[in-house]
Amino acid sequence: MRLAPWIWPLAALACAGLAWAGHVPHVVPLWHVAVSLVCVGLYAVDKRAARAGQRRVPEAALLAWGLVGGWPGALAAQRLFRHKTAKASFQTAFWLTVAVHVAVTAAVLTRPG
């Protein structure tokens, strides 16, 4: 899936706006940024290891970091490094973790009280 390059700044502004307006706790966008940076680093390390024939970052680790909120960074890293984009089984698992993360986050943030 290829997204327009302007979608990421727009999404970041939307998150910041929701946090600023008090609809989302401030920690939510900060958490996503922090964990996304970790994901970008992990994908970079994995890509470098793949090229050098060295020990790789386990796919389960990449998916787990995406699941806990780093999926925006993971998606950016996949495009930036052209890494893990052609492996269908990984992409299926990746998008499943994105859907689970979004659903759980929405459920937690919209629960009454």
PDB file of N, CA and C in Angstrom:
ATOM      1  N   MET A   1       0.846  -1.176   0.000  1.00  0.00           N
ATOM      2  CA  MET A   1       0.000   0.000   0.000  1.00  0.00           C
ATOM      3  C   MET A   1       0.890   1.237   0.000  1.00  0.00           C
ATOM      4  N   ARG A   2       0.675   2.104  -0.934  1.00  0.00           N
ATOM      5  CA  ARG A   2       1.465   3.326  -1.032  1.00  0.00           C
ATOM      6  C   ARG A   2       0.575   4.509  -0.662  1.00  0.00           C
ATOM      7  N   LEU A   3       1.036   5.297   0.294  1.00  0.00           N
ATOM      8  CA  LEU A   3       0.280   6.452   0.744  1.00  0.00           C
ATOM      9  C   LEU A   3       0.941   7.731   0.254  1.00  0.00           C
ATOM     10  N   ALA A   4       0.128   8.743   0.048  1.00  0.00           N
ATOM     11  CA  ALA A   4       0.655  10.040  -0.367  1.00  0.00           C
ATOM     12  C   ALA A   4       1.585  10.573   0.718  1.00  0.00           C
ATOM     13  N   PRO A   5       2.686  11.235   0.340  1.00  0.00           N
ATOM     14  CA  PRO A   5       3.651  11.703   1.339  1.00  0.00           C
ATOM     15  C   PRO A   5       3.086  12.742   2.303  1.00  0.00           C
ATOM     16  N   TRP A   6       2.034  13.435   1.933  1.00  0.00           N
ATOM     17  CA  TRP A   6       1.470  14.463   2.800  1.00  0.00           C
ATOM     18  C   TRP A   6       0.602  13.877   3.904  1.00  0.00           C
ATOM     19  N   ILE A   7       0.297  12.575   3.844  1.00  0.00           N
ATOM     20  CA  ILE A   7      -0.596  11.979   4.835  1.00  0.00           C
ATOM     21  C   ILE A   7       0.033  11.953   6.228  1.00  0.00           C
ATOM     22  N   TRP A   8       1.359  11.766   6.317  1.00  0.00           N
ATOM     23  CA  TRP A   8       2.003  11.654   7.633  1.00  0.00           C
ATOM     24  C   TRP A   8       2.001  12.971   8.391  1.00  0.00           C
ATOM     25  N   PRO A   9       2.377  14.096   7.765  1.00  0.00           N
ATOM     26  CA  PRO A   9       2.271  15.350   8.522  1.00  0.00           C
ATOM     27  C   PRO A   9       0.828  15.671   8.899  1.00  0.00           C
ATOM     28  N   LEU A  10      -0.108  15.328   8.028  1.00  0.00           N
ATOM     29  CA  LEU A  10      -1.516  15.572   8.335  1.00  0.00           C
ATOM     30  C   LEU A  10      -1.969  14.724   9.524  1.00  0.00           C
ATOM     31  N   ALA A  11      -1.573  13.468   9.541  1.00  0.00           N
ATOM     32  CA  ALA A  11      -1.929  12.590  10.663  1.00  0.00           C
ATOM     33  C   ALA A  11      -1.292  13.079  11.959  1.00  0.00           C
ATOM     34  N   ALA A  12      -0.043  13.528  11.885  1.00  0.00           N
ATOM     35  CA  ALA A  12       0.637  14.044  13.076  1.00  0.00           C
ATOM     36  C   ALA A  12      -0.065  15.295  13.601  1.00  0.00           C
ATOM     37  N   LEU A  13      -0.460  16.165  12.696  1.00  0.00           N
ATOM     38  CA  LEU A  13      -1.189  17.368  13.111  1.00  0.00           C
ATOM     39  C   LEU A  13      -2.535  17.016  13.723  1.00  0.00           C
ATOM     40  N   ALA A  14      -3.212  16.036  13.164  1.00  0.00           N
ATOM     41  CA  ALA A  14      -4.500  15.606  13.712  1.00  0.00           C
ATOM     42  C   ALA A  14      -4.326  15.067  15.124  1.00  0.00           C
ATOM     43  N   CYS A  15      -3.312  14.233  15.338  1.00  0.00           N
ATOM     44  CA  CYS A  15      -3.043  13.697  16.685  1.00  0.00           C
ATOM     45  C   CYS A  15      -2.709  14.815  17.654  1.00  0.00           C
ATOM     46  N   ALA A  16      -1.858  15.721  17.230  1.00  0.00           N
ATOM     47  CA  ALA A  16      -1.482  16.835  18.096  1.00  0.00           C
ATOM     48  C   ALA A  16      -2.709  17.699  18.414  1.00  0.00           C
ATOM     49  N   GLY A  17      -3.542  17.928  17.416  1.00  0.00           N
ATOM     50  CA  GLY A  17      -4.763  18.711  17.631  1.00  0.00           C
ATOM     51  C   GLY A  17      -5.716  18.051  18.607  1.00  0.00           C
ATOM     52  N   LEU A  18      -5.883  16.734  18.486  1.00  0.00           N
ATOM     53  CA  LEU A  18      -6.748  16.008  19.415  1.00  0.00           C
ATOM     54  C   LEU A  18      -6.203  16.072  20.838  1.00  0.00           C
ATOM     55  N   ALA A  19      -4.896  15.962  20.974  1.00  0.00           N
ATOM     56  CA  ALA A  19      -4.282  16.041  22.300  1.00  0.00           C
ATOM     57  C   ALA A  19      -4.407  17.453  22.862  1.00  0.00           C
ATOM     58  N   TRP A  20      -4.148  18.455  22.044  1.00  0.00           N
ATOM     59  CA  TRP A  20      -4.222  19.852  22.482  1.00  0.00           C
ATOM     60  C   TRP A  20      -5.641  20.215  22.910  1.00  0.00           C
ATOM     61  N   ALA A  21      -6.636  19.690  22.184  1.00  0.00           N
ATOM     62  CA  ALA A  21      -8.030  19.984  22.497  1.00  0.00           C
ATOM     63  C   ALA A  21      -8.544  19.177  23.688  1.00  0.00           C
ATOM     64  N   GLY A  22      -7.730  18.264  24.181  1.00  0.00           N
ATOM     65  CA  GLY A  22      -8.123  17.489  25.348  1.00  0.00           C
ATOM     66  C   GLY A  22      -8.920  16.237  25.035  1.00  0.00           C
ATOM     67  N   HIS A  23      -9.037  15.882  23.770  1.00  0.00           N
ATOM     68  CA  HIS A  23      -9.786  14.674  23.392  1.00  0.00           C
ATOM     69  C   HIS A  23      -8.961  13.407  23.558  1.00  0.00           C
ATOM     70  N   VAL A  24      -7.667  13.568  23.536  1.00  0.00           N
ATOM     71  CA  VAL A  24      -6.745  12.434  23.679  1.00  0.00           C
ATOM     72  C   VAL A  24      -5.692  12.851  24.694  1.00  0.00           C
ATOM     73  N   PRO A  25      -5.373  11.979  25.648  1.00  0.00           N
ATOM     74  CA  PRO A  25      -4.303  12.335  26.592  1.00  0.00           C
ATOM     75  C   PRO A  25      -3.006  12.657  25.848  1.00  0.00           C
ATOM     76  N   HIS A  26      -2.272  13.625  26.346  1.00  0.00           N
ATOM     77  CA  HIS A  26      -1.036  14.059  25.684  1.00  0.00           C
ATOM     78  C   HIS A  26      -0.014  12.936  25.529  1.00  0.00           C
ATOM     79  N   VAL A  27      -0.082  11.972  26.408  1.00  0.00           N
ATOM     80  CA  VAL A  27       0.882  10.880  26.360  1.00  0.00           C
ATOM     81  C   VAL A  27       0.680  10.002  25.114  1.00  0.00           C
ATOM     82  N   VAL A  28      -0.514   9.977  24.554  1.00  0.00           N
ATOM     83  CA  VAL A  28      -0.788   9.092  23.408  1.00  0.00           C
ATOM     84  C   VAL A  28       0.068   9.461  22.193  1.00  0.00           C
ATOM     85  N   PRO A  29       0.019  10.699  21.700  1.00  0.00           N
ATOM     86  CA  PRO A  29       0.878  10.997  20.554  1.00  0.00           C
ATOM     87  C   PRO A  29       2.366  10.940  20.897  1.00  0.00           C
ATOM     88  N   LEU A  30       2.722  11.313  22.126  1.00  0.00           N
ATOM     89  CA  LEU A  30       4.131  11.229  22.525  1.00  0.00           C
ATOM     90  C   LEU A  30       4.606   9.779  22.533  1.00  0.00           C
ATOM     91  N   TRP A  31       3.760   8.878  23.020  1.00  0.00           N
ATOM     92  CA  TRP A  31       4.096   7.454  23.032  1.00  0.00           C
ATOM     93  C   TRP A  31       4.304   6.949  21.608  1.00  0.00           C
ATOM     94  N   HIS A  32       3.391   7.310  20.708  1.00  0.00           N
ATOM     95  CA  HIS A  32       3.503   6.846  19.321  1.00  0.00           C
ATOM     96  C   HIS A  32       4.785   7.358  18.661  1.00  0.00           C
ATOM     97  N   VAL A  33       5.146   8.579  18.926  1.00  0.00           N
ATOM     98  CA  VAL A  33       6.384   9.122  18.361  1.00  0.00           C
ATOM     99  C   VAL A  33       7.594   8.368  18.911  1.00  0.00           C
ATOM    100  N   ALA A  34       7.633   8.182  20.222  1.00  0.00           N
ATOM    101  CA  ALA A  34       8.780   7.512  20.846  1.00  0.00           C
ATOM    102  C   ALA A  34       8.920   6.073  20.343  1.00  0.00           C
ATOM    103  N   VAL A  35       7.831   5.333  20.339  1.00  0.00           N
ATOM    104  CA  VAL A  35       7.888   3.932  19.920  1.00  0.00           C
ATOM    105  C   VAL A  35       8.135   3.836  18.414  1.00  0.00           C
ATOM    106  N   SER A  36       7.632   4.790  17.654  1.00  0.00           N
ATOM    107  CA  SER A  36       7.899   4.809  16.209  1.00  0.00           C
ATOM    108  C   SER A  36       9.378   5.005  15.928  1.00  0.00           C
ATOM    109  N   LEU A  37      10.032   5.857  16.708  1.00  0.00           N
ATOM    110  CA  LEU A  37      11.477   6.053  16.543  1.00  0.00           C
ATOM    111  C   LEU A  37      12.244   4.769  16.834  1.00  0.00           C
ATOM    112  N   VAL A  38      11.804   4.024  17.853  1.00  0.00           N
ATOM    113  CA  VAL A  38      12.426   2.728  18.145  1.00  0.00           C
ATOM    114  C   VAL A  38      12.242   1.798  16.949  1.00  0.00           C
ATOM    115  N   CYS A  39      11.032   1.786  16.383  1.00  0.00           N
ATOM    116  CA  CYS A  39      10.759   0.919  15.227  1.00  0.00           C
ATOM    117  C   CYS A  39      11.640   1.272  14.036  1.00  0.00           C
ATOM    118  N   VAL A  40      11.788   2.539  13.762  1.00  0.00           N
ATOM    119  CA  VAL A  40      12.648   2.949  12.647  1.00  0.00           C
ATOM    120  C   VAL A  40      14.065   2.427  12.884  1.00  0.00           C
ATOM    121  N   GLY A  41      14.549   2.567  14.104  1.00  0.00           N
ATOM    122  CA  GLY A  41      15.881   2.060  14.429  1.00  0.00           C
ATOM    123  C   GLY A  41      15.991   0.556  14.258  1.00  0.00           C
ATOM    124  N   LEU A  42      14.982  -0.190  14.691  1.00  0.00           N
ATOM    125  CA  LEU A  42      15.003  -1.643  14.551  1.00  0.00           C
ATOM    126  C   LEU A  42      14.986  -2.077  13.084  1.00  0.00           C
ATOM    127  N   TYR A  43      14.180  -1.403  12.287  1.00  0.00           N
ATOM    128  CA  TYR A  43      14.141  -1.725  10.859  1.00  0.00           C
ATOM    129  C   TYR A  43      15.472  -1.396  10.194  1.00  0.00           C
ATOM    130  N   ALA A  44      16.107  -0.301  10.608  1.00  0.00           N
ATOM    131  CA  ALA A  44      17.419   0.048  10.057  1.00  0.00           C
ATOM    132  C   ALA A  44      18.458  -1.002  10.412  1.00  0.00           C
ATOM    133  N   VAL A  45      18.454  -1.433  11.672  1.00  0.00           N
ATOM    134  CA  VAL A  45      19.391  -2.467  12.114  1.00  0.00           C
ATOM    135  C   VAL A  45      19.133  -3.764  11.347  1.00  0.00           C
ATOM    136  N   ASP A  46      17.875  -4.123  11.193  1.00  0.00           N
ATOM    137  CA  ASP A  46      17.534  -5.366  10.490  1.00  0.00           C
ATOM    138  C   ASP A  46      17.936  -5.302   9.019  1.00  0.00           C
ATOM    139  N   LYS A  47      17.717  -4.178   8.383  1.00  0.00           N
ATOM    140  CA  LYS A  47      18.100  -4.036   6.977  1.00  0.00           C
ATOM    141  C   LYS A  47      19.618  -4.143   6.826  1.00  0.00           C
ATOM    142  N   ARG A  48      20.347  -3.475   7.716  1.00  0.00           N
ATOM    143  CA  ARG A  48      21.808  -3.533   7.666  1.00  0.00           C
ATOM    144  C   ARG A  48      22.293  -4.971   7.886  1.00  0.00           C
ATOM    145  N   ALA A  49      21.692  -5.661   8.838  1.00  0.00           N
ATOM    146  CA  ALA A  49      22.073  -7.051   9.120  1.00  0.00           C
ATOM    147  C   ALA A  49      21.742  -7.958   7.933  1.00  0.00           C
ATOM    148  N   ALA A  50      20.614  -7.712   7.294  1.00  0.00           N
ATOM    149  CA  ALA A  50      20.231  -8.522   6.134  1.00  0.00           C
ATOM    150  C   ALA A  50      21.243  -8.366   5.008  1.00  0.00           C
ATOM    151  N   ARG A  51      21.677  -7.147   4.779  1.00  0.00           N
ATOM    152  CA  ARG A  51      22.669  -6.900   3.718  1.00  0.00           C
ATOM    153  C   ARG A  51      24.024  -7.521   4.041  1.00  0.00           C
ATOM    154  N   ALA A  52      24.370  -7.543   5.327  1.00  0.00           N
ATOM    155  CA  ALA A  52      25.680  -8.043   5.741  1.00  0.00           C
ATOM    156  C   ALA A  52      25.670  -9.539   6.047  1.00  0.00           C
ATOM    157  N   GLY A  53      24.507 -10.167   5.975  1.00  0.00           N
ATOM    158  CA  GLY A  53      24.418 -11.584   6.281  1.00  0.00           C
ATOM    159  C   GLY A  53      24.610 -11.889   7.757  1.00  0.00           C
ATOM    160  N   GLN A  54      24.276 -10.945   8.600  1.00  0.00           N
ATOM    161  CA  GLN A  54      24.440 -11.105  10.048  1.00  0.00           C
ATOM    162  C   GLN A  54      23.118 -11.488  10.700  1.00  0.00           C
ATOM    163  N   ARG A  55      23.176 -11.653  12.015  1.00  0.00           N
ATOM    164  CA  ARG A  55      21.983 -12.004  12.775  1.00  0.00           C
ATOM    165  C   ARG A  55      20.946 -10.895  12.658  1.00  0.00           C
ATOM    166  N   ARG A  56      19.698 -11.298  12.380  1.00  0.00           N
ATOM    167  CA  ARG A  56      18.623 -10.348  12.109  1.00  0.00           C
ATOM    168  C   ARG A  56      17.785 -10.057  13.350  1.00  0.00           C
ATOM    169  N   VAL A  57      17.051  -8.975  13.291  1.00  0.00           N
ATOM    170  CA  VAL A  57      16.044  -8.676  14.306  1.00  0.00           C
ATOM    171  C   VAL A  57      14.869  -9.614  14.026  1.00  0.00           C
ATOM    172  N   PRO A  58      14.402 -10.364  15.013  1.00  0.00           N
ATOM    173  CA  PRO A  58      13.288 -11.280  14.762  1.00  0.00           C
ATOM    174  C   PRO A  58      12.036 -10.540  14.289  1.00  0.00           C
ATOM    175  N   GLU A  59      11.331 -11.146  13.337  1.00  0.00           N
ATOM    176  CA  GLU A  59      10.096 -10.534  12.850  1.00  0.00           C
ATOM    177  C   GLU A  59       9.109 -10.318  13.981  1.00  0.00           C
ATOM    178  N   ALA A  60       9.081 -11.238  14.935  1.00  0.00           N
ATOM    179  CA  ALA A  60       8.172 -11.093  16.077  1.00  0.00           C
ATOM    180  C   ALA A  60       8.457  -9.806  16.845  1.00  0.00           C
ATOM    181  N   ALA A  61       9.724  -9.422  16.947  1.00  0.00           N
ATOM    182  CA  ALA A  61      10.082  -8.182  17.644  1.00  0.00           C
ATOM    183  C   ALA A  61       9.610  -6.969  16.847  1.00  0.00           C
ATOM    184  N   LEU A  62       9.812  -7.009  15.539  1.00  0.00           N
ATOM    185  CA  LEU A  62       9.347  -5.894  14.696  1.00  0.00           C
ATOM    186  C   LEU A  62       7.832  -5.739  14.814  1.00  0.00           C
ATOM    187  N   LEU A  63       7.131  -6.847  14.768  1.00  0.00           N
ATOM    188  CA  LEU A  63       5.667  -6.810  14.863  1.00  0.00           C
ATOM    189  C   LEU A  63       5.210  -6.371  16.253  1.00  0.00           C
ATOM    190  N   ALA A  64       5.891  -6.828  17.294  1.00  0.00           N
ATOM    191  CA  ALA A  64       5.511  -6.458  18.661  1.00  0.00           C
ATOM    192  C   ALA A  64       5.666  -4.958  18.898  1.00  0.00           C
ATOM    193  N   TRP A  65       6.768  -4.387  18.430  1.00  0.00           N
ATOM    194  CA  TRP A  65       6.969  -2.944  18.594  1.00  0.00           C
ATOM    195  C   TRP A  65       5.924  -2.160  17.810  1.00  0.00           C
ATOM    196  N   GLY A  66       5.543  -2.676  16.647  1.00  0.00           N
ATOM    197  CA  GLY A  66       4.466  -2.038  15.893  1.00  0.00           C
ATOM    198  C   GLY A  66       3.145  -2.134  16.616  1.00  0.00           C
ATOM    199  N   LEU A  67       2.889  -3.281  17.215  1.00  0.00           N
ATOM    200  CA  LEU A  67       1.634  -3.518  17.923  1.00  0.00           C
ATOM    201  C   LEU A  67       1.453  -2.567  19.097  1.00  0.00           C
ATOM    202  N   VAL A  68       2.532  -2.261  19.809  1.00  0.00           N
ATOM    203  CA  VAL A  68       2.411  -1.388  20.989  1.00  0.00           C
ATOM    204  C   VAL A  68       2.406   0.098  20.627  1.00  0.00           C
ATOM    205  N   GLY A  69       2.367   0.412  19.341  1.00  0.00           N
ATOM    206  CA  GLY A  69       2.221   1.809  18.938  1.00  0.00           C
ATOM    207  C   GLY A  69       3.250   2.321  17.964  1.00  0.00           C
ATOM    208  N   GLY A  70       4.218   1.510  17.622  1.00  0.00           N
ATOM    209  CA  GLY A  70       5.265   1.976  16.718  1.00  0.00           C
ATOM    210  C   GLY A  70       4.976   1.742  15.252  1.00  0.00           C
ATOM    211  N   TRP A  71       3.765   1.307  14.940  1.00  0.00           N
ATOM    212  CA  TRP A  71       3.463   0.992  13.541  1.00  0.00           C
ATOM    213  C   TRP A  71       3.612   2.182  12.589  1.00  0.00           C
ATOM    214  N   PRO A  72       3.342   3.432  12.985  1.00  0.00           N
ATOM    215  CA  PRO A  72       3.588   4.519  12.021  1.00  0.00           C
ATOM    216  C   PRO A  72       5.072   4.597  11.635  1.00  0.00           C
ATOM    217  N   GLY A  73       5.953   4.459  12.607  1.00  0.00           N
ATOM    218  CA  GLY A  73       7.386   4.456  12.324  1.00  0.00           C
ATOM    219  C   GLY A  73       7.801   3.237  11.531  1.00  0.00           C
ATOM    220  N   ALA A  74       7.190   2.098  11.850  1.00  0.00           N
ATOM    221  CA  ALA A  74       7.485   0.869  11.112  1.00  0.00           C
ATOM    222  C   ALA A  74       7.087   1.013   9.645  1.00  0.00           C
ATOM    223  N   LEU A  75       5.924   1.583   9.418  1.00  0.00           N
ATOM    224  CA  LEU A  75       5.468   1.783   8.042  1.00  0.00           C
ATOM    225  C   LEU A  75       6.391   2.735   7.289  1.00  0.00           C
ATOM    226  N   ALA A  76       6.784   3.810   7.956  1.00  0.00           N
ATOM    227  CA  ALA A  76       7.717   4.754   7.330  1.00  0.00           C
ATOM    228  C   ALA A  76       9.057   4.080   7.041  1.00  0.00           C
ATOM    229  N   ALA A  77       9.540   3.271   7.982  1.00  0.00           N
ATOM    230  CA  ALA A  77      10.825   2.587   7.808  1.00  0.00           C
ATOM    231  C   ALA A  77      10.751   1.563   6.671  1.00  0.00           C
ATOM    232  N   GLN A  78       9.626   0.876   6.564  1.00  0.00           N
ATOM    233  CA  GLN A  78       9.461  -0.080   5.470  1.00  0.00           C
ATOM    234  C   GLN A  78       9.623   0.624   4.126  1.00  0.00           C
ATOM    235  N   ARG A  79       9.049   1.785   4.004  1.00  0.00           N
ATOM    236  CA  ARG A  79       9.136   2.531   2.739  1.00  0.00           C
ATOM    237  C   ARG A  79      10.521   3.142   2.563  1.00  0.00           C
ATOM    238  N   LEU A  80      11.047   3.725   3.628  1.00  0.00           N
ATOM    239  CA  LEU A  80      12.345   4.397   3.578  1.00  0.00           C
ATOM    240  C   LEU A  80      13.469   3.436   3.224  1.00  0.00           C
ATOM    241  N   PHE A  81      13.488   2.278   3.882  1.00  0.00           N
ATOM    242  CA  PHE A  81      14.569   1.314   3.680  1.00  0.00           C
ATOM    243  C   PHE A  81      14.230   0.241   2.646  1.00  0.00           C
ATOM    244  N   ARG A  82      13.013   0.297   2.114  1.00  0.00           N
ATOM    245  CA  ARG A  82      12.532  -0.749   1.194  1.00  0.00           C
ATOM    246  C   ARG A  82      12.776  -2.119   1.819  1.00  0.00           C
ATOM    247  N   HIS A  83      12.219  -2.274   2.998  1.00  0.00           N
ATOM    248  CA  HIS A  83      12.483  -3.463   3.804  1.00  0.00           C
ATOM    249  C   HIS A  83      11.178  -4.066   4.296  1.00  0.00           C
ATOM    250  N   LYS A  84      11.027  -5.352   4.110  1.00  0.00           N
ATOM    251  CA  LYS A  84       9.867  -6.121   4.547  1.00  0.00           C
ATOM    252  C   LYS A  84       8.599  -5.753   3.777  1.00  0.00           C
ATOM    253  N   THR A  85       8.747  -5.155   2.618  1.00  0.00           N
ATOM    254  CA  THR A  85       7.570  -4.744   1.850  1.00  0.00           C
ATOM    255  C   THR A  85       7.094  -5.824   0.880  1.00  0.00           C
ATOM    256  N   ALA A  86       7.967  -6.727   0.482  1.00  0.00           N
ATOM    257  CA  ALA A  86       7.599  -7.743  -0.506  1.00  0.00           C
ATOM    258  C   ALA A  86       7.190  -9.068   0.127  1.00  0.00           C
ATOM    259  N   LYS A  87       7.471  -9.248   1.388  1.00  0.00           N
ATOM    260  CA  LYS A  87       7.144 -10.513   2.047  1.00  0.00           C
ATOM    261  C   LYS A  87       5.674 -10.482   2.484  1.00  0.00           C
ATOM    262  N   ALA A  88       4.843 -11.209   1.743  1.00  0.00           N
ATOM    263  CA  ALA A  88       3.395 -11.168   1.953  1.00  0.00           C
ATOM    264  C   ALA A  88       2.987 -11.602   3.357  1.00  0.00           C
ATOM    265  N   SER A  89       3.623 -12.636   3.897  1.00  0.00           N
ATOM    266  CA  SER A  89       3.237 -13.107   5.224  1.00  0.00           C
ATOM    267  C   SER A  89       3.541 -12.050   6.295  1.00  0.00           C
ATOM    268  N   PHE A  90       4.651 -11.346   6.134  1.00  0.00           N
ATOM    269  CA  PHE A  90       4.978 -10.294   7.092  1.00  0.00           C
ATOM    270  C   PHE A  90       3.998  -9.134   6.955  1.00  0.00           C
ATOM    271  N   GLN A  91       3.692  -8.740   5.734  1.00  0.00           N
ATOM    272  CA  GLN A  91       2.763  -7.634   5.517  1.00  0.00           C
ATOM    273  C   GLN A  91       1.376  -7.953   6.074  1.00  0.00           C
ATOM    274  N   THR A  92       0.933  -9.190   5.910  1.00  0.00           N
ATOM    275  CA  THR A  92      -0.359  -9.592   6.469  1.00  0.00           C
ATOM    276  C   THR A  92      -0.332  -9.472   7.992  1.00  0.00           C
ATOM    277  N   ALA A  93       0.714  -9.990   8.610  1.00  0.00           N
ATOM    278  CA  ALA A  93       0.842  -9.903  10.070  1.00  0.00           C
ATOM    279  C   ALA A  93       0.968  -8.454  10.516  1.00  0.00           C
ATOM    280  N   PHE A  94       1.727  -7.659   9.766  1.00  0.00           N
ATOM    281  CA  PHE A  94       1.916  -6.250  10.113  1.00  0.00           C
ATOM    282  C   PHE A  94       0.580  -5.508  10.129  1.00  0.00           C
ATOM    283  N   TRP A  95      -0.198  -5.646   9.054  1.00  0.00           N
ATOM    284  CA  TRP A  95      -1.471  -4.924   8.979  1.00  0.00           C
ATOM    285  C   TRP A  95      -2.478  -5.439   9.993  1.00  0.00           C
ATOM    286  N   LEU A  96      -2.368  -6.705  10.363  1.00  0.00           N
ATOM    287  CA  LEU A  96      -3.219  -7.237  11.423  1.00  0.00           C
ATOM    288  C   LEU A  96      -2.860  -6.569  12.755  1.00  0.00           C
ATOM    289  N   THR A  97      -1.575  -6.401  13.027  1.00  0.00           N
ATOM    290  CA  THR A  97      -1.169  -5.735  14.267  1.00  0.00           C
ATOM    291  C   THR A  97      -1.594  -4.269  14.267  1.00  0.00           C
ATOM    292  N   VAL A  98      -1.556  -3.632  13.104  1.00  0.00           N
ATOM    293  CA  VAL A  98      -2.026  -2.237  13.014  1.00  0.00           C
ATOM    294  C   VAL A  98      -3.509  -2.176  13.368  1.00  0.00           C
ATOM    295  N   ALA A  99      -4.290  -3.069  12.783  1.00  0.00           N
ATOM    296  CA  ALA A  99      -5.737  -3.085  13.045  1.00  0.00           C
ATOM    297  C   ALA A  99      -6.027  -3.344  14.518  1.00  0.00           C
ATOM    298  N   VAL A 100      -5.306  -4.279  15.121  1.00  0.00           N
ATOM    299  CA  VAL A 100      -5.502  -4.583  16.544  1.00  0.00           C
ATOM    300  C   VAL A 100      -5.128  -3.365  17.393  1.00  0.00           C
ATOM    301  N   HIS A 101      -4.005  -2.746  17.078  1.00  0.00           N
ATOM    302  CA  HIS A 101      -3.585  -1.567  17.853  1.00  0.00           C
ATOM    303  C   HIS A 101      -4.619  -0.441  17.755  1.00  0.00           C
ATOM    304  N   VAL A 102      -5.058  -0.153  16.549  1.00  0.00           N
ATOM    305  CA  VAL A 102      -6.036   0.931  16.361  1.00  0.00           C
ATOM    306  C   VAL A 102      -7.334   0.603  17.093  1.00  0.00           C
ATOM    307  N   ALA A 103      -7.795  -0.641  16.995  1.00  0.00           N
ATOM    308  CA  ALA A 103      -9.049  -1.027  17.653  1.00  0.00           C
ATOM    309  C   ALA A 103      -8.934  -0.930  19.174  1.00  0.00           C
ATOM    310  N   VAL A 104      -7.844  -1.433  19.733  1.00  0.00           N
ATOM    311  CA  VAL A 104      -7.663  -1.386  21.187  1.00  0.00           C
ATOM    312  C   VAL A 104      -7.505   0.056  21.664  1.00  0.00           C
ATOM    313  N   THR A 105      -6.723   0.836  20.944  1.00  0.00           N
ATOM    314  CA  THR A 105      -6.538   2.247  21.327  1.00  0.00           C
ATOM    315  C   THR A 105      -7.869   2.990  21.280  1.00  0.00           C
ATOM    316  N   ALA A 106      -8.634   2.786  20.222  1.00  0.00           N
ATOM    317  CA  ALA A 106      -9.947   3.448  20.119  1.00  0.00           C
ATOM    318  C   ALA A 106     -10.873   3.005  21.243  1.00  0.00           C
ATOM    319  N   ALA A 107     -10.870   1.720  21.561  1.00  0.00           N
ATOM    320  CA  ALA A 107     -11.723   1.217  22.634  1.00  0.00           C
ATOM    321  C   ALA A 107     -11.339   1.822  23.977  1.00  0.00           C
ATOM    322  N   VAL A 108     -10.042   1.915  24.235  1.00  0.00           N
ATOM    323  CA  VAL A 108      -9.587   2.479  25.522  1.00  0.00           C
ATOM    324  C   VAL A 108      -9.903   3.971  25.593  1.00  0.00           C
ATOM    325  N   LEU A 109      -9.675   4.681  24.505  1.00  0.00           N
ATOM    326  CA  LEU A 109      -9.868   6.140  24.548  1.00  0.00           C
ATOM    327  C   LEU A 109     -11.334   6.567  24.497  1.00  0.00           C
ATOM    328  N   THR A 110     -12.203   5.680  24.049  1.00  0.00           N
ATOM    329  CA  THR A 110     -13.624   6.060  23.934  1.00  0.00           C
ATOM    330  C   THR A 110     -14.494   5.427  25.011  1.00  0.00           C
ATOM    331  N   ARG A 111     -13.904   4.668  25.914  1.00  0.00           N
ATOM    332  CA  ARG A 111     -14.732   4.069  26.964  1.00  0.00           C
ATOM    333  C   ARG A 111     -15.250   5.152  27.907  1.00  0.00           C
ATOM    334  N   PRO A 112     -16.466   4.969  28.372  1.00  0.00           N
ATOM    335  CA  PRO A 112     -17.036   5.978  29.273  1.00  0.00           C
ATOM    336  C   PRO A 112     -16.311   6.011  30.622  1.00  0.00           C
ATOM    337  N   GLY A 113     -16.263   7.198  31.183  1.00  0.00           N
ATOM    338  CA  GLY A 113     -15.676   7.371  32.513  1.00  0.00           C
ATOM    339  C   GLY A 113     -14.247   7.444  32.467  1.00  0.00           C
TER     340      GLY A 113
END
